[in-house]
């Protein structure tokens, strides 16, 4: 499954939007297990460059699944496609392991179906996603990231019900 997801995302990337990294993440929340695989596309932009720190950013595109595991219920598997802008705050030009803080704001997620079990309904296929997280970039060429994220998704009251969902996630990136 992971190889298929990554291959599909890499195939969809055009030379104008060259893939800068691939990632996987696993999360739990509200009696739901989630898994995503995706690609990142760095922005050719950074802020706060005068000191030791900088803010950078990238787009994340992903394909994922959520699986309900509420005992004795009508558990479903949701398929998700998403795009999220991510801002990252961290040290620049530091050798070794580099810690960072990040936030993904107003990501766009399409899900199907729109419920995960009997009492967890999302109202619409369109969901907004936001996350905050932290992690460390490491490796001989800083080609790896390992981090934690807290993510909230909901439809922003576009349609009722809007029960939303929260995930705690482990996140791993391989920078190409």
N, C-alpha and C. Protein backbone atom coordinates (compact mmCIF):
# COMPACT_ATOMS: atom_id res chain seq x y z
N UNK A 1 0.82 -1.19 0.00
CA UNK A 1 0.00 0.00 0.00
C UNK A 1 0.87 1.26 0.00
N UNK A 2 1.87 1.31 0.89
CA UNK A 2 2.75 2.49 0.98
C UNK A 2 3.47 2.72 -0.34
N UNK A 3 4.02 1.65 -0.93
CA UNK A 3 4.74 1.81 -2.20
C UNK A 3 3.82 2.32 -3.29
N UNK A 4 2.58 1.83 -3.31
CA UNK A 4 1.61 2.28 -4.31
C UNK A 4 1.30 3.76 -4.11
N UNK A 5 1.09 4.19 -2.88
CA UNK A 5 0.79 5.59 -2.59
C UNK A 5 1.93 6.50 -2.99
N UNK A 6 3.14 6.15 -2.60
CA UNK A 6 4.31 6.97 -2.92
C UNK A 6 4.54 6.99 -4.42
N UNK A 7 4.42 5.85 -5.09
CA UNK A 7 4.61 5.80 -6.54
C UNK A 7 3.58 6.68 -7.26
N UNK A 8 2.34 6.64 -6.80
CA UNK A 8 1.30 7.45 -7.42
C UNK A 8 1.61 8.94 -7.25
N UNK A 9 1.99 9.35 -6.04
CA UNK A 9 2.30 10.75 -5.79
C UNK A 9 3.51 11.21 -6.60
N UNK A 10 4.53 10.37 -6.72
CA UNK A 10 5.70 10.73 -7.50
C UNK A 10 5.37 10.82 -8.99
N UNK A 11 4.51 9.94 -9.46
CA UNK A 11 4.10 9.95 -10.87
C UNK A 11 3.33 11.23 -11.20
N UNK A 12 2.50 11.70 -10.26
CA UNK A 12 1.69 12.89 -10.49
C UNK A 12 2.52 14.17 -10.50
N UNK A 13 3.69 14.16 -9.89
CA UNK A 13 4.52 15.36 -9.81
C UNK A 13 5.13 15.65 -11.18
N UNK A 14 5.04 16.88 -11.63
CA UNK A 14 5.64 17.26 -12.91
C UNK A 14 6.99 17.91 -12.63
N UNK A 15 7.84 18.04 -13.64
CA UNK A 15 9.13 18.70 -13.42
C UNK A 15 9.00 20.11 -12.86
N UNK A 16 7.93 20.82 -13.21
CA UNK A 16 7.72 22.17 -12.68
C UNK A 16 7.47 22.13 -11.18
N UNK A 17 6.98 21.04 -10.68
CA UNK A 17 6.71 20.87 -9.26
C UNK A 17 7.44 19.62 -8.77
N UNK A 18 8.75 19.65 -8.83
CA UNK A 18 9.55 18.49 -8.46
C UNK A 18 9.34 18.16 -6.98
N UNK A 19 9.21 16.89 -6.70
CA UNK A 19 9.02 16.41 -5.33
C UNK A 19 10.32 16.61 -4.56
N UNK A 20 10.21 17.24 -3.38
CA UNK A 20 11.38 17.47 -2.53
C UNK A 20 11.51 16.45 -1.41
N UNK A 21 10.47 15.67 -1.18
CA UNK A 21 10.51 14.66 -0.14
C UNK A 21 9.25 13.83 -0.14
N UNK A 22 9.32 12.70 0.54
CA UNK A 22 8.15 11.83 0.70
C UNK A 22 8.00 11.57 2.20
N UNK A 23 6.77 11.28 2.62
CA UNK A 23 6.56 11.07 4.04
C UNK A 23 5.47 10.04 4.30
N UNK A 24 5.52 9.54 5.53
CA UNK A 24 4.46 8.68 6.05
C UNK A 24 4.11 9.19 7.43
N UNK A 25 2.87 8.97 7.82
CA UNK A 25 2.47 9.30 9.18
C UNK A 25 1.41 8.34 9.65
N UNK A 26 1.42 8.13 10.96
CA UNK A 26 0.48 7.23 11.61
C UNK A 26 -0.09 7.96 12.81
N UNK A 27 -1.40 7.84 13.00
CA UNK A 27 -2.00 8.54 14.12
C UNK A 27 -3.19 7.81 14.70
N UNK A 28 -3.55 8.24 15.90
CA UNK A 28 -4.70 7.71 16.63
C UNK A 28 -5.50 8.87 17.20
N UNK A 29 -6.82 8.68 17.29
CA UNK A 29 -7.66 9.67 17.93
C UNK A 29 -9.12 9.33 17.79
N UNK A 30 -9.90 9.59 18.84
CA UNK A 30 -11.35 9.39 18.81
C UNK A 30 -11.75 8.01 18.31
N UNK A 31 -11.04 6.98 18.76
CA UNK A 31 -11.29 5.59 18.38
C UNK A 31 -11.15 5.36 16.87
N UNK A 32 -10.16 6.06 16.30
CA UNK A 32 -9.86 5.96 14.87
C UNK A 32 -8.34 5.86 14.72
N UNK A 33 -7.93 4.98 13.82
CA UNK A 33 -6.52 4.82 13.45
C UNK A 33 -6.36 5.40 12.05
N UNK A 34 -5.31 6.20 11.83
CA UNK A 34 -5.11 6.77 10.50
C UNK A 34 -3.70 6.52 10.01
N UNK A 35 -3.57 6.44 8.68
CA UNK A 35 -2.28 6.27 8.02
C UNK A 35 -2.29 7.14 6.77
N UNK A 36 -1.20 7.85 6.53
CA UNK A 36 -1.07 8.67 5.32
C UNK A 36 0.32 8.47 4.72
N UNK A 37 0.37 8.63 3.40
CA UNK A 37 1.64 8.71 2.67
C UNK A 37 1.52 9.92 1.77
N UNK A 38 2.63 10.63 1.58
CA UNK A 38 2.52 11.84 0.77
C UNK A 38 3.84 12.33 0.26
N UNK A 39 3.78 13.50 -0.35
CA UNK A 39 4.95 14.17 -0.92
C UNK A 39 4.98 15.61 -0.43
N UNK A 40 6.18 16.18 -0.35
CA UNK A 40 6.31 17.58 0.00
C UNK A 40 6.96 18.33 -1.15
N UNK A 41 6.59 19.61 -1.27
CA UNK A 41 7.09 20.50 -2.31
C UNK A 41 7.50 21.79 -1.61
N UNK A 42 8.81 22.01 -1.51
CA UNK A 42 9.32 23.18 -0.77
C UNK A 42 9.00 24.48 -1.51
N UNK A 43 8.78 25.53 -0.70
CA UNK A 43 8.62 26.86 -1.24
C UNK A 43 9.99 27.48 -1.42
N UNK A 44 10.16 28.24 -2.43
CA UNK A 44 11.42 28.93 -2.66
C UNK A 44 11.37 30.27 -1.92
N UNK A 45 11.19 30.16 -0.59
CA UNK A 45 10.99 31.36 0.22
C UNK A 45 11.31 31.04 1.67
N UNK A 46 11.89 32.01 2.38
CA UNK A 46 12.09 31.88 3.82
C UNK A 46 12.01 33.26 4.44
N UNK A 47 11.74 33.29 5.74
CA UNK A 47 11.58 34.54 6.47
C UNK A 47 12.45 34.51 7.72
N UNK A 48 12.71 35.67 8.32
CA UNK A 48 13.53 35.82 9.52
C UNK A 48 14.95 35.30 9.30
N UNK A 49 15.55 35.66 8.20
CA UNK A 49 16.86 35.13 7.82
C UNK A 49 18.05 35.83 8.46
N UNK A 50 17.84 36.92 9.18
CA UNK A 50 18.96 37.71 9.70
C UNK A 50 19.65 37.08 10.91
N UNK A 51 18.97 36.27 11.69
CA UNK A 51 19.56 35.69 12.89
C UNK A 51 19.87 34.22 12.75
N UNK A 52 19.80 33.51 13.87
CA UNK A 52 20.07 32.07 13.90
C UNK A 52 18.90 31.23 13.39
N UNK A 53 17.71 31.82 13.34
CA UNK A 53 16.50 31.07 13.03
C UNK A 53 15.93 31.51 11.68
N UNK A 54 15.04 30.68 11.18
CA UNK A 54 14.32 31.05 9.97
C UNK A 54 12.97 30.34 9.94
N UNK A 55 12.07 30.88 9.15
CA UNK A 55 10.78 30.25 8.89
C UNK A 55 10.78 29.85 7.42
N UNK A 56 10.48 28.59 7.17
CA UNK A 56 10.39 28.08 5.81
C UNK A 56 9.02 27.45 5.63
N UNK A 57 8.75 26.96 4.46
CA UNK A 57 7.46 26.33 4.24
C UNK A 57 7.47 25.37 3.08
N UNK A 58 6.43 24.57 3.02
CA UNK A 58 6.26 23.61 1.94
C UNK A 58 4.81 23.19 1.85
N UNK A 59 4.45 22.64 0.71
CA UNK A 59 3.14 22.03 0.51
C UNK A 59 3.25 20.55 0.81
N UNK A 60 2.27 20.02 1.49
CA UNK A 60 2.15 18.57 1.66
C UNK A 60 0.94 18.09 0.87
N UNK A 61 1.11 17.06 0.08
CA UNK A 61 0.00 16.38 -0.57
C UNK A 61 -0.02 14.96 -0.04
N UNK A 62 -1.21 14.42 0.17
CA UNK A 62 -1.24 13.08 0.78
C UNK A 62 -2.46 12.28 0.34
N UNK A 63 -2.33 11.00 0.55
CA UNK A 63 -3.40 10.03 0.37
C UNK A 63 -3.40 9.18 1.63
N UNK A 64 -4.56 9.03 2.25
CA UNK A 64 -4.59 8.30 3.51
C UNK A 64 -5.86 7.52 3.72
N UNK A 65 -5.85 6.76 4.82
CA UNK A 65 -7.04 6.02 5.25
C UNK A 65 -7.20 6.16 6.75
N UNK A 66 -8.46 6.23 7.18
CA UNK A 66 -8.82 6.22 8.59
C UNK A 66 -9.67 4.97 8.81
N UNK A 67 -9.42 4.28 9.91
CA UNK A 67 -10.20 3.08 10.24
C UNK A 67 -10.78 3.22 11.63
N UNK A 68 -12.11 3.13 11.72
CA UNK A 68 -12.77 3.16 13.02
C UNK A 68 -12.55 1.84 13.74
N UNK A 69 -12.42 1.91 15.06
CA UNK A 69 -12.29 0.66 15.84
C UNK A 69 -13.12 0.71 17.12
N UNK A 70 -14.29 1.34 17.04
CA UNK A 70 -15.20 1.38 18.18
C UNK A 70 -15.82 -0.01 18.34
N UNK A 71 -15.72 -0.62 19.53
CA UNK A 71 -16.26 -1.97 19.74
C UNK A 71 -17.77 -2.05 19.45
N UNK A 72 -18.16 -3.12 18.81
CA UNK A 72 -19.57 -3.41 18.54
C UNK A 72 -20.28 -2.27 17.83
N UNK A 73 -19.65 -1.69 16.82
CA UNK A 73 -20.26 -0.58 16.09
C UNK A 73 -20.08 -0.80 14.60
N UNK A 74 -20.66 0.10 13.81
CA UNK A 74 -20.59 0.05 12.36
C UNK A 74 -19.32 0.79 11.89
N UNK A 75 -18.15 0.24 12.17
CA UNK A 75 -16.88 0.88 11.83
C UNK A 75 -16.68 0.92 10.32
N UNK A 76 -16.19 2.06 9.84
CA UNK A 76 -15.95 2.27 8.42
C UNK A 76 -14.47 2.56 8.18
N UNK A 77 -14.07 2.51 6.93
CA UNK A 77 -12.75 2.95 6.49
C UNK A 77 -12.96 4.15 5.59
N UNK A 78 -12.36 5.28 5.97
CA UNK A 78 -12.46 6.51 5.18
C UNK A 78 -11.19 6.66 4.36
N UNK A 79 -11.33 7.02 3.10
CA UNK A 79 -10.20 7.36 2.25
C UNK A 79 -10.13 8.88 2.18
N UNK A 80 -8.92 9.39 2.21
CA UNK A 80 -8.70 10.84 2.29
C UNK A 80 -7.64 11.27 1.29
N UNK A 81 -7.86 12.42 0.64
CA UNK A 81 -6.88 13.08 -0.21
C UNK A 81 -6.74 14.50 0.34
N UNK A 82 -5.50 14.99 0.50
CA UNK A 82 -5.32 16.29 1.15
C UNK A 82 -4.16 17.09 0.57
N UNK A 83 -4.27 18.41 0.73
CA UNK A 83 -3.20 19.37 0.42
C UNK A 83 -3.16 20.36 1.57
N UNK A 84 -1.95 20.57 2.13
CA UNK A 84 -1.80 21.46 3.29
C UNK A 84 -0.55 22.31 3.16
N UNK A 85 -0.67 23.64 3.38
CA UNK A 85 0.53 24.47 3.49
C UNK A 85 1.11 24.33 4.90
N UNK A 86 2.41 24.14 5.01
CA UNK A 86 3.07 23.94 6.30
C UNK A 86 4.17 24.99 6.47
N UNK A 87 4.17 25.66 7.63
CA UNK A 87 5.22 26.61 7.99
C UNK A 87 6.09 25.96 9.05
N UNK A 88 7.41 26.12 8.91
CA UNK A 88 8.34 25.49 9.85
C UNK A 88 9.32 26.54 10.39
N UNK A 89 9.47 26.55 11.73
CA UNK A 89 10.39 27.46 12.42
C UNK A 89 11.52 26.64 13.00
N UNK A 90 12.77 27.01 12.67
CA UNK A 90 13.91 26.26 13.20
C UNK A 90 15.21 26.98 12.98
N UNK A 91 16.28 26.37 13.47
CA UNK A 91 17.63 26.91 13.27
C UNK A 91 18.01 26.80 11.81
N UNK A 92 18.89 27.70 11.39
CA UNK A 92 19.45 27.56 10.05
C UNK A 92 20.95 27.36 10.18
N UNK A 93 21.51 26.65 9.25
CA UNK A 93 22.96 26.42 9.19
C UNK A 93 23.53 25.85 10.48
N UNK A 94 22.90 24.85 11.03
CA UNK A 94 23.37 24.19 12.24
C UNK A 94 23.74 22.76 11.87
N UNK A 95 24.89 22.30 12.32
CA UNK A 95 25.31 20.93 12.05
C UNK A 95 24.60 19.97 12.99
N UNK A 96 24.48 18.72 12.57
CA UNK A 96 23.90 17.69 13.41
C UNK A 96 22.37 17.72 13.39
N UNK A 97 21.79 17.33 14.51
CA UNK A 97 20.33 17.27 14.64
C UNK A 97 19.78 18.69 14.81
N UNK A 98 18.71 18.99 14.07
CA UNK A 98 18.14 20.33 14.09
C UNK A 98 16.67 20.24 14.52
N UNK A 99 16.33 20.76 15.71
CA UNK A 99 14.93 20.74 16.14
C UNK A 99 14.10 21.79 15.39
N UNK A 100 12.79 21.57 15.32
CA UNK A 100 11.90 22.52 14.66
C UNK A 100 10.52 22.50 15.30
N UNK A 101 9.78 23.57 15.06
CA UNK A 101 8.35 23.67 15.37
C UNK A 101 7.65 23.92 14.05
N UNK A 102 6.41 23.42 13.91
CA UNK A 102 5.71 23.64 12.65
C UNK A 102 4.21 23.76 12.87
N UNK A 103 3.59 24.33 11.86
CA UNK A 103 2.13 24.43 11.85
C UNK A 103 1.62 24.29 10.44
N UNK A 104 0.58 23.50 10.28
CA UNK A 104 -0.11 23.36 9.00
C UNK A 104 -1.47 24.01 9.15
N UNK A 105 -1.77 24.98 8.30
CA UNK A 105 -2.96 25.78 8.49
C UNK A 105 -3.87 25.75 7.28
N UNK A 106 -5.13 25.50 7.53
CA UNK A 106 -6.19 25.48 6.53
C UNK A 106 -5.87 24.53 5.38
N UNK A 107 -5.52 23.30 5.76
CA UNK A 107 -5.36 22.26 4.75
C UNK A 107 -6.72 21.86 4.21
N UNK A 108 -6.76 21.39 2.99
CA UNK A 108 -8.00 20.96 2.35
C UNK A 108 -7.98 19.44 2.23
N UNK A 109 -9.00 18.80 2.80
CA UNK A 109 -9.09 17.35 2.83
C UNK A 109 -10.42 16.92 2.23
N UNK A 110 -10.39 15.94 1.36
CA UNK A 110 -11.60 15.32 0.84
C UNK A 110 -11.66 13.91 1.39
N UNK A 111 -12.79 13.56 2.01
CA UNK A 111 -12.95 12.24 2.62
C UNK A 111 -14.19 11.54 2.07
N UNK A 112 -14.14 10.22 2.07
CA UNK A 112 -15.29 9.40 1.69
C UNK A 112 -15.14 8.04 2.34
N UNK A 113 -16.19 7.55 2.99
CA UNK A 113 -17.48 8.15 3.30
C UNK A 113 -17.34 9.25 4.35
N UNK A 114 -18.47 9.83 4.79
CA UNK A 114 -18.43 10.97 5.72
C UNK A 114 -18.78 10.58 7.16
N UNK A 115 -18.67 9.31 7.48
CA UNK A 115 -18.79 8.88 8.88
C UNK A 115 -17.83 7.72 9.11
N UNK A 116 -17.37 7.60 10.36
CA UNK A 116 -16.38 6.56 10.68
C UNK A 116 -17.01 5.45 11.52
N UNK A 117 -17.99 5.80 12.34
CA UNK A 117 -18.83 4.86 13.07
C UNK A 117 -20.12 5.57 13.43
N UNK A 118 -21.05 4.90 14.05
CA UNK A 118 -22.41 5.42 14.23
C UNK A 118 -22.45 6.83 14.80
N UNK A 119 -21.70 7.13 15.82
CA UNK A 119 -21.79 8.44 16.47
C UNK A 119 -20.66 9.40 16.10
N UNK A 120 -19.97 9.19 15.00
CA UNK A 120 -18.90 10.10 14.57
C UNK A 120 -19.13 10.40 13.09
N UNK A 121 -19.85 11.53 12.84
CA UNK A 121 -20.22 11.93 11.48
C UNK A 121 -19.62 13.30 11.18
N UNK A 122 -19.17 13.47 9.94
CA UNK A 122 -18.44 14.67 9.55
C UNK A 122 -19.24 15.65 8.70
N UNK A 123 -20.45 15.29 8.29
CA UNK A 123 -21.33 16.22 7.60
C UNK A 123 -21.06 16.43 6.12
N UNK A 124 -19.81 16.52 5.72
CA UNK A 124 -19.49 16.75 4.31
C UNK A 124 -18.18 16.07 3.97
N UNK A 125 -17.97 15.87 2.68
CA UNK A 125 -16.71 15.27 2.22
C UNK A 125 -15.55 16.24 2.35
N UNK A 126 -15.84 17.54 2.30
CA UNK A 126 -14.79 18.55 2.41
C UNK A 126 -14.52 18.86 3.87
N UNK A 127 -13.24 18.77 4.27
CA UNK A 127 -12.82 19.05 5.64
C UNK A 127 -11.63 20.00 5.61
N UNK A 128 -11.54 20.84 6.65
CA UNK A 128 -10.36 21.66 6.86
C UNK A 128 -9.47 20.95 7.86
N UNK A 129 -8.15 21.04 7.68
CA UNK A 129 -7.23 20.42 8.63
C UNK A 129 -6.17 21.41 9.09
N UNK A 130 -5.92 21.42 10.39
CA UNK A 130 -4.87 22.24 10.99
C UNK A 130 -4.04 21.35 11.89
N UNK A 131 -2.74 21.60 11.95
CA UNK A 131 -1.91 20.85 12.89
C UNK A 131 -0.81 21.73 13.46
N UNK A 132 -0.36 21.35 14.63
CA UNK A 132 0.85 21.92 15.23
C UNK A 132 1.75 20.74 15.56
N UNK A 133 3.05 20.97 15.53
CA UNK A 133 3.95 19.86 15.79
C UNK A 133 5.36 20.31 16.07
N UNK A 134 6.17 19.32 16.39
CA UNK A 134 7.59 19.55 16.63
C UNK A 134 8.34 18.31 16.19
N UNK A 135 9.64 18.46 15.98
CA UNK A 135 10.42 17.31 15.56
C UNK A 135 11.88 17.66 15.45
N UNK A 136 12.60 16.77 14.80
CA UNK A 136 14.04 16.96 14.62
C UNK A 136 14.41 16.48 13.21
N UNK A 137 15.28 17.26 12.57
CA UNK A 137 15.81 16.87 11.26
C UNK A 137 17.22 16.33 11.52
N UNK A 138 17.56 15.21 10.90
CA UNK A 138 18.84 14.56 11.21
C UNK A 138 19.34 13.79 10.00
N UNK A 139 20.49 13.17 10.15
CA UNK A 139 21.14 12.42 9.08
C UNK A 139 22.36 13.17 8.59
N UNK A 140 23.21 12.47 7.89
CA UNK A 140 24.46 13.06 7.39
C UNK A 140 24.20 14.32 6.56
N UNK A 141 23.12 14.31 5.80
CA UNK A 141 22.76 15.46 4.96
C UNK A 141 21.42 16.05 5.40
N UNK A 142 21.05 15.79 6.65
CA UNK A 142 19.75 16.21 7.20
C UNK A 142 18.61 15.78 6.28
N UNK A 143 18.68 14.55 5.84
CA UNK A 143 17.69 14.04 4.90
C UNK A 143 16.48 13.41 5.59
N UNK A 144 16.48 13.30 6.91
CA UNK A 144 15.38 12.68 7.64
C UNK A 144 14.74 13.66 8.61
N UNK A 145 13.44 13.54 8.78
CA UNK A 145 12.68 14.26 9.81
C UNK A 145 11.90 13.22 10.60
N UNK A 146 11.86 13.39 11.90
CA UNK A 146 11.00 12.58 12.75
C UNK A 146 10.29 13.54 13.69
N UNK A 147 8.96 13.47 13.72
CA UNK A 147 8.24 14.44 14.51
C UNK A 147 6.92 13.94 15.04
N UNK A 148 6.31 14.79 15.88
CA UNK A 148 4.98 14.57 16.45
C UNK A 148 4.08 15.71 15.98
N UNK A 149 2.82 15.39 15.71
CA UNK A 149 1.81 16.39 15.33
C UNK A 149 0.51 16.13 16.08
N UNK A 150 -0.16 17.23 16.40
CA UNK A 150 -1.55 17.16 16.86
C UNK A 150 -2.37 17.81 15.76
N UNK A 151 -3.34 17.07 15.21
CA UNK A 151 -4.12 17.57 14.08
C UNK A 151 -5.61 17.56 14.41
N UNK A 152 -6.28 18.63 13.99
CA UNK A 152 -7.74 18.72 14.10
C UNK A 152 -8.31 18.89 12.70
N UNK A 153 -9.36 18.11 12.40
CA UNK A 153 -10.06 18.23 11.14
C UNK A 153 -11.54 18.44 11.42
N UNK A 154 -12.17 19.34 10.65
CA UNK A 154 -13.62 19.53 10.71
C UNK A 154 -14.04 20.24 9.43
N UNK A 155 -15.35 20.33 9.23
CA UNK A 155 -15.82 20.99 8.01
C UNK A 155 -16.10 22.48 8.22
N UNK A 156 -15.74 23.03 9.37
CA UNK A 156 -15.90 24.45 9.62
C UNK A 156 -17.36 24.90 9.62
N UNK A 157 -18.26 24.01 10.00
CA UNK A 157 -19.71 24.28 10.03
C UNK A 157 -20.29 24.56 8.65
N UNK A 158 -19.65 24.05 7.59
CA UNK A 158 -20.23 24.16 6.25
C UNK A 158 -21.54 23.39 6.20
N UNK A 159 -21.57 22.24 6.87
CA UNK A 159 -22.76 21.39 6.88
C UNK A 159 -22.79 20.64 8.20
N UNK A 160 -23.98 20.47 8.74
CA UNK A 160 -24.16 19.72 9.98
C UNK A 160 -24.35 18.24 9.66
N UNK A 161 -23.93 17.32 10.49
CA UNK A 161 -23.21 17.56 11.73
C UNK A 161 -21.74 17.88 11.44
N UNK A 162 -21.11 18.54 12.39
CA UNK A 162 -19.71 18.91 12.25
C UNK A 162 -18.98 18.42 13.50
N UNK A 163 -18.87 17.11 13.65
CA UNK A 163 -18.27 16.56 14.86
C UNK A 163 -16.74 16.65 14.86
N UNK A 164 -16.11 16.73 13.71
CA UNK A 164 -14.66 16.84 13.64
C UNK A 164 -13.95 15.65 14.25
N UNK A 165 -12.62 15.70 14.20
CA UNK A 165 -11.80 14.62 14.75
C UNK A 165 -10.41 15.16 15.07
N UNK A 166 -9.79 14.62 16.11
CA UNK A 166 -8.43 14.99 16.51
C UNK A 166 -7.54 13.76 16.42
N UNK A 167 -6.31 13.97 15.93
CA UNK A 167 -5.34 12.89 15.85
C UNK A 167 -4.03 13.30 16.52
N UNK A 168 -3.40 12.36 17.20
CA UNK A 168 -1.99 12.46 17.61
C UNK A 168 -1.22 11.60 16.63
N UNK A 169 -0.18 12.19 16.01
CA UNK A 169 0.48 11.53 14.89
C UNK A 169 2.00 11.47 15.04
N UNK A 170 2.58 10.37 14.59
CA UNK A 170 4.02 10.25 14.37
C UNK A 170 4.23 10.52 12.89
N UNK A 171 5.25 11.32 12.56
CA UNK A 171 5.45 11.80 11.20
C UNK A 171 6.91 11.58 10.82
N UNK A 172 7.17 10.99 9.64
CA UNK A 172 8.53 10.74 9.18
C UNK A 172 8.67 11.23 7.73
N UNK A 173 9.69 12.05 7.46
CA UNK A 173 9.95 12.56 6.10
C UNK A 173 11.34 12.09 5.65
N UNK A 174 11.43 11.71 4.40
CA UNK A 174 12.71 11.49 3.74
C UNK A 174 12.84 12.57 2.68
N UNK A 175 13.82 13.47 2.84
CA UNK A 175 14.05 14.55 1.88
C UNK A 175 14.90 14.03 0.72
N UNK A 176 14.44 14.25 -0.48
CA UNK A 176 15.13 13.77 -1.69
C UNK A 176 16.25 14.71 -2.09
